[in-house]
Amino acid sequence: MRAYIATLSLFMSLLNTPSGAGQLQGVNLSGAEFKDIKQTSTTATPFGRLNKDYAWPDPLVLKGWQDRGVTVVRLPFRWERVQPDLRGDVSLDHIAKLVEVASRGTTVVILDMHNYGNRWVSTPDGVKQAQIDGPSGLVTRDDYADVWRKIAERFKDYPLVQFDLMNEPHDLKSADAATEAEILRRMYQAAIDAIRGAGATNSIHIEPPNWAKSGALVSSFSDAALSLRDPADNLIFQVHQYVDKGEKGILPDAANGDVDAGRRKIEAATEWARKHRKILFLGEFGIPNASSSSGLTAASRMIDHVQGNPDVWLGWTAWGGGKAWREDYVFRLESTPPVDPAGRLLLFEKLHSK
């Protein structure tokens, strides 16, 4: 309990601090991206069972976070669960319910396609995972553009909705010797064109390869990122920065106890964005569930940097909210009975006064 309260206290102290005034500050709401699809696939439910293997966040949970001061939520979801058949109809009613609640509270919702550059498809031989524009040819960037066009058509009249085109793409291979950066550039440009072709001017988030690490944005993906063209000039470059060994977001402590590791890593992204006049967003970082963790201090210092550079950083969303997480999950932010809701309030108060 003490560790959980410490985690929540840090989260709350980060909200609406003077240095971060005007920035978006909030949380990821997990659930719709849960469970391995291959393991849960059946003939009747090839991409998992709703409310068994995965669940959409309850709008009341979103309302609870709004009441505690968040101004943005990032909503992870699997492509397969909003469009089971490639080029088919999309099912967006669950998202729409959350968007309506968010809009009433003037909360930004970032729709995060949580697929890592791949998706599962139904074939005569069962469900198979295929990379977008990969060697298998099972999923093309035109398929990818199709789903984003349809999502954009549904939410183009909601200016508080933003589109995160792909969560943490990594290890992408091509059939024509293109680099990973070029594969992503092609994918993203196809999606941007489709979204703008649908008449949507919503903000679009672009994540670099290598699990969206900030280092990839300023190195291997830099040229590709700068070559993207958006007629609405409304691209946001989103990075994820964990501070544990390997930046995997698994362990509570900063690698080698280095509490400035995260700050140093994102400083390079800050310089890149300022030089090229781009906007950044920190889409994932962990506030560990351990009161004495060096990762707790590292997260705080990293966000100090984000909030100290509002000219290039739009804001941040911490990982991971949503009721679906286990009680002992190291980065769990959601409180449920018997956790005292006052603990969350104490956390927010501490963040406010930081």
Protein backbone atom coordinates (compact mmCIF):
# COMPACT_ATOMS: atom_id res chain seq x y z
CA MET A 1 0.00 0.00 0.00
CA ARG A 2 2.78 2.46 0.89
CA ALA A 3 4.47 1.83 -2.45
CA TYR A 4 1.22 2.36 -4.32
CA ILE A 5 0.53 5.63 -2.51
CA ALA A 6 4.05 6.82 -3.33
CA THR A 7 3.49 6.05 -7.00
CA LEU A 8 0.19 7.85 -7.06
CA SER A 9 1.62 10.74 -5.08
CA LEU A 10 4.30 11.30 -7.70
CA PHE A 11 1.74 11.10 -10.48
CA MET A 12 -0.47 13.66 -8.80
CA SER A 13 2.42 16.01 -8.10
CA LEU A 14 3.24 16.05 -11.80
CA LEU A 15 -0.20 17.31 -12.77
CA ASN A 16 -0.73 20.99 -13.49
CA THR A 17 2.50 22.19 -11.97
CA PRO A 18 3.37 25.81 -12.78
CA SER A 19 6.19 24.78 -15.13
CA GLY A 20 3.83 22.53 -17.05
CA ALA A 21 0.92 24.94 -17.27
CA GLY A 22 -0.84 24.60 -20.60
CA GLN A 23 0.67 21.21 -21.39
CA LEU A 24 -1.36 18.03 -21.71
CA GLN A 25 -0.85 15.81 -18.66
CA GLY A 26 -2.48 12.45 -18.16
CA VAL A 27 -2.49 8.69 -18.32
CA ASN A 28 -2.78 5.67 -20.63
CA LEU A 29 -6.03 3.73 -20.16
CA SER A 30 -5.28 0.10 -20.97
CA GLY A 31 -7.63 -2.80 -21.64
CA ALA A 32 -8.49 -2.90 -25.34
CA GLU A 33 -4.96 -3.99 -26.26
CA PHE A 34 -4.77 -6.84 -23.71
CA LYS A 35 -4.00 -10.53 -24.26
CA ASP A 36 -2.03 -12.35 -26.90
CA ILE A 37 -4.31 -12.83 -29.90
CA LYS A 38 -2.84 -16.15 -30.99
CA GLN A 39 -3.40 -17.68 -27.57
CA THR A 40 -7.01 -16.45 -27.31
CA SER A 41 -8.05 -17.03 -30.91
CA THR A 42 -11.00 -19.30 -31.66
CA THR A 43 -13.11 -19.72 -34.78
CA ALA A 44 -15.89 -17.67 -33.20
CA THR A 45 -13.61 -15.01 -31.73
CA PRO A 46 -10.38 -14.89 -33.73
CA PHE A 47 -9.09 -11.78 -31.98
CA GLY A 48 -10.10 -12.45 -28.38
CA ARG A 49 -13.30 -12.34 -26.35
CA LEU A 50 -14.66 -8.96 -25.33
CA ASN A 51 -14.79 -8.60 -21.53
CA LYS A 52 -12.97 -11.91 -21.17
CA ASP A 53 -9.61 -11.47 -22.88
CA TYR A 54 -9.79 -7.70 -23.28
CA ALA A 55 -12.09 -4.84 -22.34
CA TRP A 56 -12.64 -1.24 -23.27
CA PRO A 57 -12.09 1.20 -20.40
CA ASP A 58 -15.23 2.16 -18.51
CA PRO A 59 -16.25 5.80 -19.19
CA LEU A 60 -16.66 6.16 -15.42
CA VAL A 61 -12.96 5.39 -15.01
CA LEU A 62 -12.19 8.14 -17.47
CA LYS A 63 -14.47 10.50 -15.55
CA GLY A 64 -12.59 9.64 -12.36
CA TRP A 65 -9.30 10.65 -13.92
CA GLN A 66 -10.83 13.84 -15.25
CA ASP A 67 -11.99 14.72 -11.75
CA ARG A 68 -8.40 14.34 -10.59
CA GLY A 69 -6.99 16.75 -13.11
CA VAL A 70 -5.87 14.83 -16.17
CA THR A 71 -6.24 16.72 -19.43
CA VAL A 72 -5.36 13.87 -21.80
CA VAL A 73 -5.80 10.10 -21.99
CA ARG A 74 -4.06 7.80 -24.42
CA LEU A 75 -6.31 4.91 -25.43
CA PRO A 76 -4.46 1.78 -26.60
CA PHE A 77 -6.45 -0.58 -28.85
CA ARG A 78 -5.73 -3.42 -31.26
CA TRP A 79 -6.43 -2.80 -34.93
CA GLU A 80 -8.00 -6.26 -35.22
CA ARG A 81 -10.65 -5.36 -32.63
CA VAL A 82 -11.96 -2.32 -34.45
CA GLN A 83 -11.66 -3.80 -37.95
CA PRO A 84 -11.70 -7.61 -37.87
CA ASP A 85 -11.61 -7.92 -41.67
CA LEU A 86 -9.09 -6.00 -43.74
CA ARG A 87 -10.85 -3.22 -45.68
CA GLY A 88 -14.05 -4.14 -43.83
CA ASP A 89 -16.36 -2.14 -41.60
CA VAL A 90 -14.99 -0.61 -38.44
CA SER A 91 -16.55 -0.87 -34.98
CA LEU A 92 -15.88 2.32 -33.06
CA ASP A 93 -18.83 2.63 -30.69
CA HIS A 94 -16.76 1.78 -27.59
CA ILE A 95 -14.26 4.48 -28.50
CA ALA A 96 -17.08 6.93 -29.25
CA LYS A 97 -18.51 6.52 -25.75
CA LEU A 98 -15.17 7.46 -24.24
CA VAL A 99 -14.74 10.34 -26.65
CA GLU A 100 -18.12 11.75 -25.67
CA VAL A 101 -17.21 11.69 -21.96
CA ALA A 102 -13.82 13.19 -22.68
CA SER A 103 -15.28 15.94 -24.84
CA ARG A 104 -17.67 17.01 -22.10
CA GLY A 105 -14.66 17.45 -19.85
CA THR A 106 -12.48 19.02 -22.57
CA THR A 107 -10.06 16.10 -22.27
CA VAL A 108 -7.91 15.13 -25.24
CA VAL A 109 -8.14 11.47 -26.32
CA ILE A 110 -5.20 10.00 -28.23
CA LEU A 111 -6.33 6.93 -30.17
CA ASP A 112 -3.34 4.60 -30.03
CA MET A 113 -3.22 1.72 -32.53
CA HIS A 114 -1.28 -0.65 -30.28
CA ASN A 115 0.04 -3.09 -32.90
CA TYR A 116 3.83 -2.66 -33.06
CA GLY A 117 3.81 -2.52 -36.87
CA ASN A 118 1.88 -5.77 -37.31
CA ARG A 119 -1.61 -7.21 -37.19
CA TRP A 120 -3.23 -10.63 -37.06
CA VAL A 121 -5.31 -11.78 -40.02
CA SER A 122 -7.66 -14.69 -40.52
CA THR A 123 -6.46 -17.14 -43.17
CA PRO A 124 -7.66 -20.61 -44.23
CA ASP A 125 -4.86 -21.95 -42.03
CA GLY A 126 -5.96 -19.98 -38.95
CA VAL A 127 -4.94 -16.56 -37.65
CA LYS A 128 -1.48 -15.40 -38.61
CA GLN A 129 0.51 -12.35 -37.62
CA ALA A 130 1.79 -10.26 -40.50
CA GLN A 131 3.86 -7.12 -40.64
CA ILE A 132 2.40 -4.16 -42.49
CA ASP A 133 4.11 -4.04 -45.91
CA GLY A 134 6.17 -7.02 -44.87
CA PRO A 135 7.53 -9.90 -46.94
CA SER A 136 4.38 -12.01 -46.46
CA GLY A 137 2.21 -9.52 -48.34
CA LEU A 138 -0.75 -10.36 -46.08
CA VAL A 139 -1.14 -6.79 -44.83
CA THR A 140 -0.30 -3.79 -46.99
CA ARG A 141 0.04 -0.10 -46.26
CA ASP A 142 -3.13 0.40 -48.30
CA ASP A 143 -4.93 -1.82 -45.76
CA TYR A 144 -3.44 0.32 -43.02
CA ALA A 145 -4.49 3.54 -44.73
CA ASP A 146 -8.01 2.17 -45.10
CA VAL A 147 -8.58 1.70 -41.37
CA TRP A 148 -7.19 5.13 -40.54
CA ARG A 149 -9.39 6.75 -43.16
CA LYS A 150 -12.45 5.14 -41.60
CA ILE A 151 -11.41 6.13 -38.07
CA ALA A 152 -10.80 9.67 -39.27
CA GLU A 153 -14.21 9.84 -40.93
CA ARG A 154 -15.84 8.96 -37.60
CA PHE A 155 -13.90 11.43 -35.45
CA LYS A 156 -13.00 14.29 -37.77
CA ASP A 157 -15.54 16.55 -36.08
CA TYR A 158 -13.95 15.99 -32.65
CA PRO A 159 -10.94 18.32 -32.42
CA LEU A 160 -9.97 16.84 -29.04
CA VAL A 161 -9.35 13.43 -30.67
CA GLN A 162 -5.81 12.79 -31.85
CA PHE A 163 -4.52 9.85 -33.90
CA ASP A 164 -1.46 7.85 -32.77
CA LEU A 165 -0.72 5.94 -35.96
CA MET A 166 1.25 3.00 -34.53
CA ASN A 167 2.49 2.06 -31.09
CA GLU A 168 6.16 1.10 -30.77
CA PRO A 169 6.95 -0.28 -34.23
CA HIS A 170 10.06 -2.44 -34.19
CA ASP A 171 12.06 -5.01 -36.17
CA LEU A 172 10.29 -4.25 -39.44
CA LYS A 173 11.50 -6.07 -42.57
CA SER A 174 10.78 -5.26 -46.20
CA ALA A 175 10.40 -7.24 -49.38
CA ASP A 176 12.42 -4.69 -51.38
CA ALA A 177 15.47 -3.99 -49.20
CA ALA A 178 14.01 -0.78 -47.79
CA THR A 179 15.28 0.32 -44.40
CA GLU A 180 13.04 0.15 -41.35
CA ALA A 181 12.84 3.94 -41.38
CA GLU A 182 11.67 3.90 -44.99
CA ILE A 183 9.07 1.19 -44.30
CA LEU A 184 7.66 3.37 -41.55
CA ARG A 185 7.80 6.52 -43.66
CA ARG A 186 5.74 4.83 -46.39
CA MET A 187 3.22 3.51 -43.87
CA TYR A 188 2.84 6.81 -42.08
CA GLN A 189 2.58 8.85 -45.26
CA ALA A 190 -0.17 6.54 -46.55
CA ALA A 191 -2.09 6.97 -43.30
CA ILE A 192 -1.58 10.75 -43.23
CA ASP A 193 -2.84 11.02 -46.81
CA ALA A 194 -5.88 8.88 -45.99
CA ILE A 195 -6.75 10.88 -42.87
CA ARG A 196 -6.42 14.22 -44.60
CA GLY A 197 -8.30 12.85 -47.61
CA ALA A 198 -11.20 12.11 -45.25
CA GLY A 199 -11.33 15.79 -44.37
CA ALA A 200 -9.88 15.37 -40.86
CA THR A 201 -7.48 17.99 -39.50
CA ASN A 202 -6.95 16.24 -36.14
CA SER A 203 -3.42 16.05 -34.71
CA ILE A 204 -1.49 12.96 -35.83
CA HIS A 205 1.16 11.29 -33.66
CA ILE A 206 4.20 9.70 -35.29
CA GLU A 207 6.26 7.15 -33.32
CA PRO A 208 9.81 6.19 -34.32
CA PRO A 209 11.06 2.59 -34.64
CA ASN A 210 12.93 0.64 -31.96
CA TRP A 211 9.95 0.62 -29.59
CA ALA A 212 9.46 4.40 -30.02
CA LYS A 213 12.59 5.17 -28.02
CA SER A 214 13.58 8.81 -28.15
CA GLY A 215 17.05 7.86 -29.36
CA ALA A 216 15.63 6.42 -32.58
CA LEU A 217 13.81 9.65 -33.42
CA VAL A 218 17.00 11.67 -33.44
CA SER A 219 19.12 9.04 -35.21
CA SER A 220 17.88 6.29 -37.54
CA PHE A 221 14.43 7.81 -38.09
CA SER A 222 15.32 11.49 -38.23
CA ASP A 223 15.50 11.92 -42.01
CA ALA A 224 12.35 9.88 -42.58
CA ALA A 225 10.49 11.84 -39.92
CA LEU A 226 11.48 15.15 -41.45
CA SER A 227 10.40 13.99 -44.92
CA LEU A 228 6.79 13.31 -43.90
CA ARG A 229 4.33 15.71 -45.48
CA ASP A 230 1.11 16.83 -43.85
CA PRO A 231 -1.06 19.42 -45.62
CA ALA A 232 -2.57 20.34 -42.25
CA ASP A 233 0.89 20.79 -40.70
CA ASN A 234 -0.31 19.04 -37.56
CA LEU A 235 2.14 16.24 -36.83
CA ILE A 236 3.32 15.41 -33.30
CA PHE A 237 6.36 13.21 -32.76
CA GLN A 238 5.70 10.84 -29.88
CA VAL A 239 8.42 9.02 -27.96
CA HIS A 240 8.39 6.51 -25.10
CA GLN A 241 11.07 6.56 -22.47
CA TYR A 242 11.55 3.98 -19.75
CA VAL A 243 14.62 4.13 -17.54
CA ASP A 244 15.22 0.52 -16.47
CA LYS A 245 17.86 -1.76 -17.97
CA GLY A 246 17.34 -1.95 -21.71
CA GLU A 247 14.55 0.66 -21.47
CA LYS A 248 12.02 -2.17 -21.47
CA GLY A 249 9.54 -0.80 -18.93
CA ILE A 250 9.69 -3.94 -16.79
CA LEU A 251 11.73 -3.12 -13.69
CA PRO A 252 11.09 -0.36 -11.11
CA ASP A 253 14.65 0.92 -10.76
CA ALA A 254 16.64 3.08 -13.13
CA ALA A 255 19.50 1.22 -14.80
CA ASN A 256 22.56 1.37 -12.54
CA GLY A 257 20.60 3.68 -10.25
CA ASP A 258 21.06 6.54 -12.71
CA VAL A 259 18.21 8.92 -11.82
CA ASP A 260 19.09 11.29 -14.69
CA ALA A 261 19.07 8.65 -17.43
CA GLY A 262 15.61 9.46 -18.75
CA ARG A 263 16.15 13.20 -18.66
CA ARG A 264 19.40 12.92 -20.61
CA LYS A 265 17.84 10.70 -23.25
CA ILE A 266 14.92 13.00 -23.97
CA GLU A 267 17.13 16.10 -23.96
CA ALA A 268 18.42 15.02 -27.38
CA ALA A 269 14.84 14.85 -28.64
CA THR A 270 14.22 18.35 -27.26
CA GLU A 271 17.20 19.70 -29.19
CA TRP A 272 16.08 17.88 -32.35
CA ALA A 273 12.55 19.27 -32.13
CA ARG A 274 13.72 22.81 -31.46
CA LYS A 275 16.17 22.70 -34.35
CA HIS A 276 13.56 21.39 -36.79
CA ARG A 277 10.58 23.24 -35.32
CA LYS A 278 8.68 20.09 -34.40
CA ILE A 279 6.38 19.21 -31.51
CA LEU A 280 7.00 16.27 -29.15
CA PHE A 281 4.84 14.19 -26.84
CA LEU A 282 5.95 11.68 -24.18
CA GLY A 283 3.42 8.91 -24.70
CA GLU A 284 4.74 6.36 -22.21
CA PHE A 285 6.97 6.36 -19.15
CA GLY A 286 6.69 4.45 -15.90
CA ILE A 287 6.02 5.70 -12.39
CA PRO A 288 7.07 2.57 -10.48
CA ASN A 289 5.02 1.15 -7.66
CA ALA A 290 7.89 1.34 -5.18
CA SER A 291 8.39 4.26 -2.81
CA SER A 292 12.20 3.93 -2.61
CA SER A 293 12.78 3.20 -6.29
CA SER A 294 15.39 5.17 -8.21
CA GLY A 295 12.94 4.89 -11.09
CA LEU A 296 10.54 7.13 -9.18
CA THR A 297 13.12 9.91 -8.98
CA ALA A 298 14.14 9.34 -12.60
CA ALA A 299 10.53 9.72 -13.77
CA SER A 300 10.15 12.93 -11.82
CA ARG A 301 13.31 14.46 -13.27
CA MET A 302 12.35 13.44 -16.78
CA ILE A 303 8.97 15.13 -16.47
CA ASP A 304 10.63 18.19 -14.96
CA HIS A 305 12.47 18.46 -18.27
CA VAL A 306 9.32 17.98 -20.35
CA GLN A 307 7.43 20.59 -18.36
CA GLY A 308 10.40 22.94 -18.47
CA ASN A 309 10.38 22.97 -22.28
CA PRO A 310 6.77 23.69 -23.26
CA ASP A 311 7.83 25.23 -26.58
CA VAL A 312 8.52 21.75 -27.99
CA TRP A 313 6.78 19.33 -25.59
CA LEU A 314 2.99 19.13 -25.89
CA GLY A 315 2.78 17.01 -22.73
CA TRP A 316 2.81 13.44 -21.42
CA THR A 317 0.77 10.36 -20.53
CA ALA A 318 2.03 7.98 -17.85
CA TRP A 319 1.77 4.21 -18.15
CA GLY A 320 -0.42 2.47 -17.09
CA GLY A 321 -3.94 3.17 -15.99
CA GLY A 322 -7.02 1.03 -16.46
CA LYS A 323 -8.64 -1.53 -14.20
CA ALA A 324 -7.29 -4.48 -16.16
CA TRP A 325 -3.83 -4.36 -14.60
CA ARG A 326 -2.96 -6.74 -11.76
CA GLU A 327 -2.71 -5.23 -8.30
CA ASP A 328 1.03 -5.99 -8.22
CA TYR A 329 1.88 -4.57 -11.65
CA VAL A 330 4.93 -2.37 -11.19
CA PHE A 331 3.53 0.60 -13.14
CA ARG A 332 -0.12 0.27 -12.20
CA LEU A 333 -1.84 3.61 -11.59
CA GLU A 334 -5.47 2.62 -11.29
CA SER A 335 -6.92 2.26 -7.79
CA THR A 336 -9.78 -0.10 -7.01
CA PRO A 337 -11.29 -1.19 -3.68
CA PRO A 338 -9.91 -1.83 -1.12
CA VAL A 339 -7.40 0.87 -2.08
CA ASP A 340 -8.51 4.12 -0.47
CA PRO A 341 -9.47 6.65 -3.16
CA ALA A 342 -8.02 9.31 -0.88
CA GLY A 343 -4.62 7.86 -1.73
CA ARG A 344 -5.09 9.05 -5.30
CA LEU A 345 -6.05 12.49 -4.05
CA LEU A 346 -2.94 12.65 -1.92
CA LEU A 347 -0.88 11.76 -4.97
CA PHE A 348 -2.49 14.49 -7.06
CA GLU A 349 -2.02 17.04 -4.29
CA LYS A 350 1.65 16.21 -4.10
CA LEU A 351 2.01 16.54 -7.85
CA HIS A 352 0.22 19.88 -7.80
CA SER A 353 2.54 21.25 -5.15
CA LYS A 354 5.76 19.98 -6.70
